[in-house]
Amino acid sequence: MLAYDTRNDYEIIEGVKFMSPSPFKRHGKVVGRLMFSIGTYAFINRLGAAFADNFDVNLPDGNVLRPDFIFISAANDKIVFDNEDENFYGVPDMVAEIFSRSTMKRDMTIKKEIYERNGVKEYWIINPWSESIEVYLLRDGKYFLDNVYQNYSKEELEKLTDEERAEVSTEIPVKVLDGFSIKIKNIFGRYFE
């Protein structure tokens, strides 16, 4: 494993250091909403813990990533508590990456491949500009696209046909938290519903 200086804001992807850019306002809002929604539900129900960015996840294959959002189930909490430092060693149950202009390509390609290869069960790719979320679920060691969720305005919904409107999902199920879902408006909207 490569030595990693936790005072720097970078990731080690396939042996190469990549600087992590400072988050922007939309990024912070989305991370905060995920933390509030998923983190609160998991905490109250003793199902695990949620963490925002700035934690190093040391994966079994030697990559060191800093996901924007991390969920670790109670059954998997050894990766949080079985070490001396503030980093994680092992595979989170769920991660989310929120696009920035400089990381978008990596989030969709190499980081997705790394999460898949290491066995992260659920991976969300979040586009704060289009207010959409791609949800990938691990099945037999491979990711498949479960769904793409879009935050529609009332005006956009009115332009859809009845059939198209019937296909719109307003809530995103969090598969690693069986039975729990989040309203998409609560991730991107101004206020919680």
C-alpha atoms as a PDB file:
ATOM      1  CA  MET A   1       0.000   0.000   0.000  1.00  0.00           C
ATOM      2  CA  LEU A   2       1.227   3.514  -0.763  1.00  0.00           C
ATOM      3  CA  ALA A   3       2.005   5.828   2.124  1.00  0.00           C
ATOM      4  CA  TYR A   4      -0.641   8.510   2.304  1.00  0.00           C
ATOM      5  CA  ASP A   5      -0.327  11.922   3.944  1.00  0.00           C
ATOM      6  CA  THR A   6      -3.771  12.741   5.353  1.00  0.00           C
ATOM      7  CA  ARG A   7      -2.995  16.465   5.532  1.00  0.00           C
ATOM      8  CA  ASN A   8      -3.246  16.802   1.766  1.00  0.00           C
ATOM      9  CA  ASP A   9      -6.403  16.879  -0.296  1.00  0.00           C
ATOM     10  CA  TYR A  10      -5.694  14.268  -2.904  1.00  0.00           C
ATOM     11  CA  GLU A  11      -6.726  10.789  -3.915  1.00  0.00           C
ATOM     12  CA  ILE A  12      -4.542   7.940  -5.103  1.00  0.00           C
ATOM     13  CA  ILE A  13      -6.142   6.401  -8.178  1.00  0.00           C
ATOM     14  CA  GLU A  14      -4.300   3.463  -9.728  1.00  0.00           C
ATOM     15  CA  GLY A  15      -1.062   4.735  -8.134  1.00  0.00           C
ATOM     16  CA  VAL A  16      -1.397   8.345  -9.355  1.00  0.00           C
ATOM     17  CA  LYS A  17      -2.135  11.322  -7.078  1.00  0.00           C
ATOM     18  CA  PHE A  18      -5.077  13.519  -8.073  1.00  0.00           C
ATOM     19  CA  MET A  19      -5.832  16.719  -6.216  1.00  0.00           C
ATOM     20  CA  SER A  20      -9.349  16.994  -4.821  1.00  0.00           C
ATOM     21  CA  PRO A  21     -10.858  20.368  -5.717  1.00  0.00           C
ATOM     22  CA  SER A  22     -12.555  22.493  -3.081  1.00  0.00           C
ATOM     23  CA  PRO A  23     -16.302  21.900  -3.094  1.00  0.00           C
ATOM     24  CA  PHE A  24     -18.676  24.525  -4.463  1.00  0.00           C
ATOM     25  CA  LYS A  25     -21.988  25.662  -2.972  1.00  0.00           C
ATOM     26  CA  ARG A  26     -24.278  23.207  -4.820  1.00  0.00           C
ATOM     27  CA  HIS A  27     -21.933  20.374  -3.887  1.00  0.00           C
ATOM     28  CA  GLY A  28     -22.108  21.307  -0.206  1.00  0.00           C
ATOM     29  CA  LYS A  29     -25.878  21.546  -0.304  1.00  0.00           C
ATOM     30  CA  VAL A  30     -26.261  18.068  -1.816  1.00  0.00           C
ATOM     31  CA  VAL A  31     -23.772  16.487   0.601  1.00  0.00           C
ATOM     32  CA  GLY A  32     -25.559  18.132   3.526  1.00  0.00           C
ATOM     33  CA  ARG A  33     -28.934  16.847   2.365  1.00  0.00           C
ATOM     34  CA  LEU A  34     -27.612  13.295   1.940  1.00  0.00           C
ATOM     35  CA  MET A  35     -26.025  13.465   5.380  1.00  0.00           C
ATOM     36  CA  PHE A  36     -29.228  14.730   6.939  1.00  0.00           C
ATOM     37  CA  SER A  37     -31.563  12.275   5.200  1.00  0.00           C
ATOM     38  CA  ILE A  38     -29.568   9.060   5.141  1.00  0.00           C
ATOM     39  CA  GLY A  39     -27.423   9.801   8.186  1.00  0.00           C
ATOM     40  CA  THR A  40     -30.361  10.644  10.445  1.00  0.00           C
ATOM     41  CA  TYR A  41     -32.404   7.629   9.372  1.00  0.00           C
ATOM     42  CA  ALA A  42     -29.444   5.267   9.831  1.00  0.00           C
ATOM     43  CA  PHE A  43     -28.483   6.788  13.187  1.00  0.00           C
ATOM     44  CA  ILE A  44     -31.993   6.708  14.665  1.00  0.00           C
ATOM     45  CA  ASN A  45     -32.529   3.134  13.528  1.00  0.00           C
ATOM     46  CA  ARG A  46     -28.990   2.007  14.459  1.00  0.00           C
ATOM     47  CA  LEU A  47     -28.332   0.839  10.915  1.00  0.00           C
ATOM     48  CA  GLY A  48     -24.953   2.453  10.381  1.00  0.00           C
ATOM     49  CA  ALA A  49     -23.256   5.787   9.915  1.00  0.00           C
ATOM     50  CA  ALA A  50     -22.962   8.374   7.151  1.00  0.00           C
ATOM     51  CA  PHE A  51     -19.918  10.522   6.493  1.00  0.00           C
ATOM     52  CA  ALA A  52     -19.267  13.524   4.285  1.00  0.00           C
ATOM     53  CA  ASP A  53     -16.185  14.073   2.142  1.00  0.00           C
ATOM     54  CA  ASN A  54     -12.697  14.590   3.597  1.00  0.00           C
ATOM     55  CA  PHE A  55     -12.312  11.004   4.783  1.00  0.00           C
ATOM     56  CA  ASP A  56      -9.817   8.743   3.104  1.00  0.00           C
ATOM     57  CA  VAL A  57     -11.195   5.362   2.095  1.00  0.00           C
ATOM     58  CA  ASN A  58      -8.329   2.892   1.750  1.00  0.00           C
ATOM     59  CA  LEU A  59      -9.729   0.182  -0.502  1.00  0.00           C
ATOM     60  CA  PRO A  60      -8.411  -3.393  -0.614  1.00  0.00           C
ATOM     61  CA  ASP A  61      -6.898  -2.906  -4.098  1.00  0.00           C
ATOM     62  CA  GLY A  62      -4.630  -0.060  -2.858  1.00  0.00           C
ATOM     63  CA  ASN A  63      -6.646   2.883  -4.173  1.00  0.00           C
ATOM     64  CA  VAL A  64      -7.287   5.707  -1.707  1.00  0.00           C
ATOM     65  CA  LEU A  65     -10.426   7.665  -2.560  1.00  0.00           C
ATOM     66  CA  ARG A  66     -12.344  10.482  -0.915  1.00  0.00           C
ATOM     67  CA  PRO A  67     -15.991   9.943  -1.833  1.00  0.00           C
ATOM     68  CA  ASP A  68     -18.275  12.930  -1.403  1.00  0.00           C
ATOM     69  CA  PHE A  69     -20.662  10.803   0.661  1.00  0.00           C
ATOM     70  CA  ILE A  70     -20.071   7.499   2.458  1.00  0.00           C
ATOM     71  CA  PHE A  71     -22.492   5.132   4.186  1.00  0.00           C
ATOM     72  CA  ILE A  72     -21.194   2.265   6.291  1.00  0.00           C
ATOM     73  CA  SER A  73     -23.688  -0.215   7.702  1.00  0.00           C
ATOM     74  CA  ALA A  74     -23.623  -1.295  11.337  1.00  0.00           C
ATOM     75  CA  ALA A  75     -22.676  -4.805  10.194  1.00  0.00           C
ATOM     76  CA  ASN A  76     -19.651  -3.335   8.392  1.00  0.00           C
ATOM     77  CA  ASP A  77     -18.523  -0.855  11.073  1.00  0.00           C
ATOM     78  CA  LYS A  78     -15.138  -2.549  11.567  1.00  0.00           C
ATOM     79  CA  ILE A  79     -13.828  -0.397   8.698  1.00  0.00           C
ATOM     80  CA  VAL A  80     -14.587   2.676  10.811  1.00  0.00           C
ATOM     81  CA  PHE A  81     -13.550   1.584  14.274  1.00  0.00           C
ATOM     82  CA  ASP A  82     -10.816  -1.028  13.821  1.00  0.00           C
ATOM     83  CA  ASN A  83      -7.955   1.373  13.148  1.00  0.00           C
ATOM     84  CA  GLU A  84      -5.884   3.986  14.977  1.00  0.00           C
ATOM     85  CA  ASP A  85      -6.295   6.941  12.621  1.00  0.00           C
ATOM     86  CA  GLU A  86      -9.252   8.824  11.204  1.00  0.00           C
ATOM     87  CA  ASN A  87      -9.339   6.989   7.881  1.00  0.00           C
ATOM     88  CA  PHE A  88     -11.371   4.033   6.683  1.00  0.00           C
ATOM     89  CA  TYR A  89      -9.825   0.721   5.666  1.00  0.00           C
ATOM     90  CA  GLY A  90     -12.188  -1.495   3.732  1.00  0.00           C
ATOM     91  CA  VAL A  91     -15.259  -1.226   1.539  1.00  0.00           C
ATOM     92  CA  PRO A  92     -18.161   1.126   2.349  1.00  0.00           C
ATOM     93  CA  ASP A  93     -21.682  -0.114   1.630  1.00  0.00           C
ATOM     94  CA  MET A  94     -22.584   3.007  -0.367  1.00  0.00           C
ATOM     95  CA  VAL A  95     -20.754   5.966  -1.844  1.00  0.00           C
ATOM     96  CA  ALA A  96     -21.860   8.999  -3.811  1.00  0.00           C
ATOM     97  CA  GLU A  97     -19.813  11.294  -5.980  1.00  0.00           C
ATOM     98  CA  ILE A  98     -21.082  14.761  -6.849  1.00  0.00           C
ATOM     99  CA  PHE A  99     -19.890  16.147 -10.148  1.00  0.00           C
ATOM    100  CA  SER A 100     -17.532  19.042 -10.326  1.00  0.00           C
ATOM    101  CA  ARG A 101     -16.285  20.147 -13.701  1.00  0.00           C
ATOM    102  CA  SER A 102     -12.795  18.814 -12.948  1.00  0.00           C
ATOM    103  CA  THR A 103     -13.821  15.382 -11.575  1.00  0.00           C
ATOM    104  CA  MET A 104     -16.859  14.468 -13.675  1.00  0.00           C
ATOM    105  CA  LYS A 105     -15.027  12.174 -16.083  1.00  0.00           C
ATOM    106  CA  ARG A 106     -13.180  10.309 -13.293  1.00  0.00           C
ATOM    107  CA  ASP A 107     -16.418   9.879 -11.302  1.00  0.00           C
ATOM    108  CA  MET A 108     -18.124   8.247 -14.294  1.00  0.00           C
ATOM    109  CA  THR A 109     -15.238   6.048 -15.386  1.00  0.00           C
ATOM    110  CA  ILE A 110     -12.243   5.036 -13.288  1.00  0.00           C
ATOM    111  CA  LYS A 111     -13.781   5.708  -9.863  1.00  0.00           C
ATOM    112  CA  LYS A 112     -16.896   3.787 -10.841  1.00  0.00           C
ATOM    113  CA  GLU A 113     -14.692   0.891 -11.957  1.00  0.00           C
ATOM    114  CA  ILE A 114     -12.728   1.008  -8.696  1.00  0.00           C
ATOM    115  CA  TYR A 115     -15.862   1.012  -6.539  1.00  0.00           C
ATOM    116  CA  GLU A 116     -17.254  -1.878  -8.580  1.00  0.00           C
ATOM    117  CA  ARG A 117     -14.029  -3.890  -8.394  1.00  0.00           C
ATOM    118  CA  ASN A 118     -13.845  -3.435  -4.603  1.00  0.00           C
ATOM    119  CA  GLY A 119     -17.486  -4.402  -3.998  1.00  0.00           C
ATOM    120  CA  VAL A 120     -19.237  -1.147  -3.036  1.00  0.00           C
ATOM    121  CA  LYS A 121     -22.890  -2.239  -3.116  1.00  0.00           C
ATOM    122  CA  GLU A 122     -24.470   1.067  -4.159  1.00  0.00           C
ATOM    123  CA  TYR A 123     -22.934   3.970  -6.105  1.00  0.00           C
ATOM    124  CA  TRP A 124     -24.684   7.267  -6.799  1.00  0.00           C
ATOM    125  CA  ILE A 125     -23.370   9.697  -9.401  1.00  0.00           C
ATOM    126  CA  ILE A 126     -24.969  13.078  -8.777  1.00  0.00           C
ATOM    127  CA  ASN A 127     -25.139  15.902 -11.307  1.00  0.00           C
ATOM    128  CA  PRO A 128     -26.038  19.103  -9.403  1.00  0.00           C
ATOM    129  CA  TRP A 129     -26.501  21.148 -12.599  1.00  0.00           C
ATOM    130  CA  SER A 130     -29.094  18.893 -14.226  1.00  0.00           C
ATOM    131  CA  GLU A 131     -30.366  17.807 -10.786  1.00  0.00           C
ATOM    132  CA  SER A 132     -30.134  14.155 -11.701  1.00  0.00           C
ATOM    133  CA  ILE A 133     -28.823  11.040  -9.969  1.00  0.00           C
ATOM    134  CA  GLU A 134     -27.662   7.807 -11.571  1.00  0.00           C
ATOM    135  CA  VAL A 135     -27.948   4.886  -9.157  1.00  0.00           C
ATOM    136  CA  TYR A 136     -25.749   1.847  -9.763  1.00  0.00           C
ATOM    137  CA  LEU A 137     -26.229  -1.383  -7.827  1.00  0.00           C
ATOM    138  CA  LEU A 138     -23.745  -4.230  -7.569  1.00  0.00           C
ATOM    139  CA  ARG A 139     -24.955  -7.603  -8.774  1.00  0.00           C
ATOM    140  CA  ASP A 140     -22.626 -10.577  -9.264  1.00  0.00           C
ATOM    141  CA  GLY A 141     -19.607  -8.285  -8.995  1.00  0.00           C
ATOM    142  CA  LYS A 142     -20.790  -5.856 -11.709  1.00  0.00           C
ATOM    143  CA  TYR A 143     -22.659  -2.564 -11.574  1.00  0.00           C
ATOM    144  CA  PHE A 144     -25.929  -2.205 -13.360  1.00  0.00           C
ATOM    145  CA  LEU A 145     -27.818   1.044 -13.756  1.00  0.00           C
ATOM    146  CA  ASP A 146     -30.835   0.774 -11.481  1.00  0.00           C
ATOM    147  CA  ASN A 147     -32.375   4.077 -12.552  1.00  0.00           C
ATOM    148  CA  VAL A 148     -31.728   7.712 -13.402  1.00  0.00           C
ATOM    149  CA  TYR A 149     -33.683  10.070 -11.183  1.00  0.00           C
ATOM    150  CA  GLN A 150     -34.431  13.612 -12.296  1.00  0.00           C
ATOM    151  CA  ASN A 151     -35.740  16.538 -10.261  1.00  0.00           C
ATOM    152  CA  TYR A 152     -38.537  17.994 -12.383  1.00  0.00           C
ATOM    153  CA  SER A 153     -40.065  21.409 -11.848  1.00  0.00           C
ATOM    154  CA  LYS A 154     -43.865  21.730 -11.962  1.00  0.00           C
ATOM    155  CA  GLU A 155     -43.552  23.350 -15.382  1.00  0.00           C
ATOM    156  CA  GLU A 156     -41.422  20.486 -16.717  1.00  0.00           C
ATOM    157  CA  LEU A 157     -43.881  17.909 -15.382  1.00  0.00           C
ATOM    158  CA  GLU A 158     -46.782  19.685 -17.061  1.00  0.00           C
ATOM    159  CA  LYS A 159     -45.035  19.379 -20.440  1.00  0.00           C
ATOM    160  CA  LEU A 160     -44.805  15.591 -20.128  1.00  0.00           C
ATOM    161  CA  THR A 161     -47.455  13.270 -21.469  1.00  0.00           C
ATOM    162  CA  ASP A 162     -49.489  11.237 -18.982  1.00  0.00           C
ATOM    163  CA  GLU A 163     -47.422   8.169 -19.885  1.00  0.00           C
ATOM    164  CA  GLU A 164     -44.129  10.019 -19.379  1.00  0.00           C
ATOM    165  CA  ARG A 165     -45.355  11.477 -16.075  1.00  0.00           C
ATOM    166  CA  ALA A 166     -46.299   7.992 -14.873  1.00  0.00           C
ATOM    167  CA  GLU A 167     -42.664   6.929 -15.396  1.00  0.00           C
ATOM    168  CA  VAL A 168     -41.269   9.741 -13.239  1.00  0.00           C
ATOM    169  CA  SER A 169     -39.968   8.600  -9.851  1.00  0.00           C
ATOM    170  CA  THR A 170     -40.159  11.266  -7.171  1.00  0.00           C
ATOM    171  CA  GLU A 171     -38.339   9.185  -4.559  1.00  0.00           C
ATOM    172  CA  ILE A 172     -35.021   7.371  -4.662  1.00  0.00           C
ATOM    173  CA  PRO A 173     -34.860   4.061  -2.786  1.00  0.00           C
ATOM    174  CA  VAL A 174     -31.645   3.599  -0.835  1.00  0.00           C
ATOM    175  CA  LYS A 175     -31.119  -0.111  -1.434  1.00  0.00           C
ATOM    176  CA  VAL A 176     -28.523  -0.576   1.315  1.00  0.00           C
ATOM    177  CA  LEU A 177     -31.186   0.715   3.727  1.00  0.00           C
ATOM    178  CA  ASP A 178     -33.920  -1.687   2.696  1.00  0.00           C
ATOM    179  CA  GLY A 179     -37.253   0.117   2.617  1.00  0.00           C
ATOM    180  CA  PHE A 180     -35.899   3.661   3.027  1.00  0.00           C
ATOM    181  CA  SER A 181     -36.193   6.259   0.277  1.00  0.00           C
ATOM    182  CA  ILE A 182     -35.483   9.969  -0.194  1.00  0.00           C
ATOM    183  CA  LYS A 183     -37.615  12.450  -2.087  1.00  0.00           C
ATOM    184  CA  ILE A 184     -35.484  13.789  -4.912  1.00  0.00           C
ATOM    185  CA  LYS A 185     -36.745  17.300  -4.150  1.00  0.00           C
ATOM    186  CA  ASN A 186     -35.181  16.949  -0.696  1.00  0.00           C
ATOM    187  CA  ILE A 187     -31.776  16.504  -2.291  1.00  0.00           C
ATOM    188  CA  PHE A 188     -31.967  19.391  -4.751  1.00  0.00           C
ATOM    189  CA  GLY A 189     -34.834  21.608  -3.592  1.00  0.00           C
ATOM    190  CA  ARG A 190     -34.696  24.717  -1.520  1.00  0.00           C
ATOM    191  CA  TYR A 191     -36.707  23.281   1.370  1.00  0.00           C
ATOM    192  CA  PHE A 192     -37.559  19.819   2.644  1.00  0.00           C
ATOM    193  CA  GLU A 193     -40.991  18.407   1.895  1.00  0.00           C
END
